[in-house]
Amino acid sequence: MWALLMLLIISGCSPKNLTKQTDHPMVISPKSGAVWMETYSYKIRWKGIEHGNVCIAILLGGKDKGIINDCKTPAQRGVFIWKIPRGFVSYFGINKEDKARVVIFTKTNQDIEIFSDYFTISKPSN
């Protein structure tokens, strides 16, 4: 441990800087295996985007299904509550889509684009 700390000090890195270098933007929720139901509300969570506003879009089976917020959600908030509309997947004649993903990006920096794990959006059971 001391050897690593001395190496960091000699190379000009502090543990604080090391943490910032390895902290990259990511979607925290939804996670792989999550099942979200139409008509229910869920929290989309992310970290590592500190400035500006984010746009949040949904992909179903790799196809863009549009932006679900107004692109005015502050990036540093790290959370957006989305109520999945009735028919979001069932309107297409399917009961569920297992290849759903959230993509978060900023309008000011096109280099920041982060994707969630694949998750499922399902038709309500009733």
C-alpha atoms as a PDB file:
ATOM      1  CA  MET A   1       0.000   0.000   0.000  1.00  0.00           C
ATOM      2  CA  TRP A   2       2.762   2.443   0.951  1.00  0.00           C
ATOM      3  CA  ALA A   3       4.677   1.602  -2.213  1.00  0.00           C
ATOM      4  CA  LEU A   4       1.629   2.424  -4.338  1.00  0.00           C
ATOM      5  CA  LEU A   5       1.072   5.700  -2.481  1.00  0.00           C
ATOM      6  CA  MET A   6       4.739   6.701  -2.919  1.00  0.00           C
ATOM      7  CA  LEU A   7       4.561   5.840  -6.630  1.00  0.00           C
ATOM      8  CA  LEU A   8       1.489   8.059  -7.000  1.00  0.00           C
ATOM      9  CA  ILE A   9       3.168  10.961  -5.188  1.00  0.00           C
ATOM     10  CA  ILE A  10       6.371  10.645  -7.229  1.00  0.00           C
ATOM     11  CA  SER A  11       4.441  10.529 -10.507  1.00  0.00           C
ATOM     12  CA  GLY A  12       2.431  13.614  -9.551  1.00  0.00           C
ATOM     13  CA  CYS A  13      -0.869  11.793  -9.053  1.00  0.00           C
ATOM     14  CA  SER A  14      -2.818  12.064  -5.886  1.00  0.00           C
ATOM     15  CA  PRO A  15      -5.415   9.512  -4.849  1.00  0.00           C
ATOM     16  CA  LYS A  16      -8.015  12.261  -5.416  1.00  0.00           C
ATOM     17  CA  ASN A  17      -6.896  12.744  -9.049  1.00  0.00           C
ATOM     18  CA  LEU A  18      -6.768   8.992  -9.582  1.00  0.00           C
ATOM     19  CA  THR A  19     -10.412   8.705  -8.527  1.00  0.00           C
ATOM     20  CA  LYS A  20     -11.470  11.423 -10.965  1.00  0.00           C
ATOM     21  CA  GLN A  21      -9.597   9.767 -13.825  1.00  0.00           C
ATOM     22  CA  THR A  22     -11.358   6.426 -13.328  1.00  0.00           C
ATOM     23  CA  ASP A  23     -14.838   7.858 -12.705  1.00  0.00           C
ATOM     24  CA  HIS A  24     -16.475   7.621 -16.117  1.00  0.00           C
ATOM     25  CA  PRO A  25     -20.090   8.339 -17.051  1.00  0.00           C
ATOM     26  CA  MET A  26     -22.428   5.390 -16.710  1.00  0.00           C
ATOM     27  CA  VAL A  27     -26.096   4.472 -16.422  1.00  0.00           C
ATOM     28  CA  ILE A  28     -26.762   2.944 -13.005  1.00  0.00           C
ATOM     29  CA  SER A  29     -30.419   2.037 -13.561  1.00  0.00           C
ATOM     30  CA  PRO A  30     -31.978   0.154 -15.294  1.00  0.00           C
ATOM     31  CA  LYS A  31     -29.705  -2.850 -14.836  1.00  0.00           C
ATOM     32  CA  SER A  32     -29.541  -6.061 -16.821  1.00  0.00           C
ATOM     33  CA  GLY A  33     -32.426  -8.340 -15.929  1.00  0.00           C
ATOM     34  CA  ALA A  34     -34.751  -5.532 -14.812  1.00  0.00           C
ATOM     35  CA  VAL A  35     -38.361  -5.839 -15.925  1.00  0.00           C
ATOM     36  CA  TRP A  36     -40.227  -2.555 -16.222  1.00  0.00           C
ATOM     37  CA  MET A  37     -43.981  -2.519 -16.885  1.00  0.00           C
ATOM     38  CA  GLU A  38     -46.003  -0.145 -19.036  1.00  0.00           C
ATOM     39  CA  THR A  39     -48.047   2.375 -16.956  1.00  0.00           C
ATOM     40  CA  TYR A  40     -45.584   2.259 -14.012  1.00  0.00           C
ATOM     41  CA  SER A  41     -42.949   4.865 -13.067  1.00  0.00           C
ATOM     42  CA  TYR A  42     -39.247   4.058 -12.740  1.00  0.00           C
ATOM     43  CA  LYS A  43     -36.073   5.940 -11.867  1.00  0.00           C
ATOM     44  CA  ILE A  44     -33.437   6.191 -14.566  1.00  0.00           C
ATOM     45  CA  ARG A  45     -30.134   6.896 -12.769  1.00  0.00           C
ATOM     46  CA  TRP A  46     -26.706   7.884 -14.047  1.00  0.00           C
ATOM     47  CA  LYS A  47     -23.429   9.245 -12.759  1.00  0.00           C
ATOM     48  CA  GLY A  48     -20.355  10.946 -14.125  1.00  0.00           C
ATOM     49  CA  ILE A  49     -21.968  13.732 -16.165  1.00  0.00           C
ATOM     50  CA  GLU A  50     -21.428  16.938 -14.241  1.00  0.00           C
ATOM     51  CA  HIS A  51     -22.447  19.829 -16.514  1.00  0.00           C
ATOM     52  CA  GLY A  52     -25.301  20.882 -18.733  1.00  0.00           C
ATOM     53  CA  ASN A  53     -28.562  19.112 -19.404  1.00  0.00           C
ATOM     54  CA  VAL A  54     -29.160  15.583 -20.616  1.00  0.00           C
ATOM     55  CA  CYS A  55     -31.443  14.051 -23.194  1.00  0.00           C
ATOM     56  CA  ILE A  56     -32.776  10.578 -22.407  1.00  0.00           C
ATOM     57  CA  ALA A  57     -33.894   8.268 -25.189  1.00  0.00           C
ATOM     58  CA  ILE A  58     -35.136   4.693 -25.369  1.00  0.00           C
ATOM     59  CA  LEU A  59     -33.987   2.035 -27.810  1.00  0.00           C
ATOM     60  CA  LEU A  60     -36.129  -1.039 -28.449  1.00  0.00           C
ATOM     61  CA  GLY A  61     -34.365  -3.863 -30.241  1.00  0.00           C
ATOM     62  CA  GLY A  62     -31.658  -1.397 -31.266  1.00  0.00           C
ATOM     63  CA  LYS A  63     -34.144   1.035 -32.831  1.00  0.00           C
ATOM     64  CA  ASP A  64     -34.526   4.560 -31.513  1.00  0.00           C
ATOM     65  CA  LYS A  65     -38.003   5.104 -30.053  1.00  0.00           C
ATOM     66  CA  GLY A  66     -37.418   8.733 -29.188  1.00  0.00           C
ATOM     67  CA  ILE A  67     -36.466  11.102 -26.418  1.00  0.00           C
ATOM     68  CA  ILE A  68     -38.539  10.669 -23.249  1.00  0.00           C
ATOM     69  CA  ASN A  69     -37.626  13.901 -21.483  1.00  0.00           C
ATOM     70  CA  ASP A  70     -37.471  17.525 -22.626  1.00  0.00           C
ATOM     71  CA  CYS A  71     -33.623  17.583 -22.740  1.00  0.00           C
ATOM     72  CA  LYS A  72     -33.681  20.044 -19.845  1.00  0.00           C
ATOM     73  CA  THR A  73     -32.911  17.559 -17.069  1.00  0.00           C
ATOM     74  CA  PRO A  74     -29.815  18.812 -15.197  1.00  0.00           C
ATOM     75  CA  ALA A  75     -26.986  16.320 -15.681  1.00  0.00           C
ATOM     76  CA  GLN A  76     -25.771  16.625 -12.107  1.00  0.00           C
ATOM     77  CA  ARG A  77     -29.207  15.567 -10.786  1.00  0.00           C
ATOM     78  CA  GLY A  78     -28.422  11.996 -11.827  1.00  0.00           C
ATOM     79  CA  VAL A  79     -32.036  10.827 -11.883  1.00  0.00           C
ATOM     80  CA  PHE A  80     -35.123  11.094 -14.062  1.00  0.00           C
ATOM     81  CA  ILE A  81     -38.470   9.488 -13.280  1.00  0.00           C
ATOM     82  CA  TRP A  82     -40.118   7.979 -16.352  1.00  0.00           C
ATOM     83  CA  LYS A  83     -43.696   6.751 -16.464  1.00  0.00           C
ATOM     84  CA  ILE A  84     -43.826   4.214 -19.266  1.00  0.00           C
ATOM     85  CA  PRO A  85     -46.865   4.940 -21.421  1.00  0.00           C
ATOM     86  CA  ARG A  86     -49.502   2.258 -21.957  1.00  0.00           C
ATOM     87  CA  GLY A  87     -48.810   0.653 -25.322  1.00  0.00           C
ATOM     88  CA  PHE A  88     -45.108   1.562 -25.400  1.00  0.00           C
ATOM     89  CA  VAL A  89     -44.330  -2.019 -26.470  1.00  0.00           C
ATOM     90  CA  SER A  90     -47.751  -3.675 -26.554  1.00  0.00           C
ATOM     91  CA  TYR A  91     -49.009  -1.269 -29.224  1.00  0.00           C
ATOM     92  CA  PHE A  92     -46.706  -3.134 -31.620  1.00  0.00           C
ATOM     93  CA  GLY A  93     -48.491  -6.431 -30.897  1.00  0.00           C
ATOM     94  CA  ILE A  94     -45.885  -7.820 -28.522  1.00  0.00           C
ATOM     95  CA  ASN A  95     -46.135  -8.549 -24.799  1.00  0.00           C
ATOM     96  CA  LYS A  96     -42.564  -7.543 -23.983  1.00  0.00           C
ATOM     97  CA  GLU A  97     -39.305  -6.287 -25.436  1.00  0.00           C
ATOM     98  CA  ASP A  98     -36.175  -7.869 -23.903  1.00  0.00           C
ATOM     99  CA  LYS A  99     -33.707  -5.660 -25.771  1.00  0.00           C
ATOM    100  CA  ALA A 100     -34.678  -2.270 -24.328  1.00  0.00           C
ATOM    101  CA  ARG A 101     -31.923   0.230 -23.498  1.00  0.00           C
ATOM    102  CA  VAL A 102     -31.700   3.753 -22.165  1.00  0.00           C
ATOM    103  CA  VAL A 103     -29.276   6.133 -23.855  1.00  0.00           C
ATOM    104  CA  ILE A 104     -28.295   9.401 -22.191  1.00  0.00           C
ATOM    105  CA  PHE A 105     -26.492  12.181 -24.028  1.00  0.00           C
ATOM    106  CA  THR A 106     -25.847  15.891 -23.781  1.00  0.00           C
ATOM    107  CA  LYS A 107     -26.682  18.398 -26.471  1.00  0.00           C
ATOM    108  CA  THR A 108     -23.580  20.464 -25.696  1.00  0.00           C
ATOM    109  CA  ASN A 109     -21.037  17.625 -25.833  1.00  0.00           C
ATOM    110  CA  GLN A 110     -21.872  14.935 -28.386  1.00  0.00           C
ATOM    111  CA  ASP A 111     -18.923  12.865 -27.099  1.00  0.00           C
ATOM    112  CA  ILE A 112     -20.911  12.016 -23.978  1.00  0.00           C
ATOM    113  CA  GLU A 113     -23.321   9.212 -24.841  1.00  0.00           C
ATOM    114  CA  ILE A 114     -23.923   6.453 -22.321  1.00  0.00           C
ATOM    115  CA  PHE A 115     -26.028   3.305 -22.623  1.00  0.00           C
ATOM    116  CA  SER A 116     -27.773   1.207 -19.998  1.00  0.00           C
ATOM    117  CA  ASP A 117     -27.643  -2.553 -19.833  1.00  0.00           C
ATOM    118  CA  TYR A 118     -30.337  -4.374 -21.772  1.00  0.00           C
ATOM    119  CA  PHE A 119     -33.560  -4.701 -19.801  1.00  0.00           C
ATOM    120  CA  THR A 120     -37.182  -5.682 -20.442  1.00  0.00           C
ATOM    121  CA  ILE A 121     -40.232  -3.494 -20.926  1.00  0.00           C
ATOM    122  CA  SER A 122     -43.415  -5.522 -20.573  1.00  0.00           C
ATOM    123  CA  LYS A 123     -47.140  -5.139 -21.090  1.00  0.00           C
ATOM    124  CA  PRO A 124     -49.017  -4.890 -17.784  1.00  0.00           C
ATOM    125  CA  SER A 125     -50.320  -8.214 -16.501  1.00  0.00           C
ATOM    126  CA  ASN A 126     -53.918  -6.973 -16.111  1.00  0.00           C
END
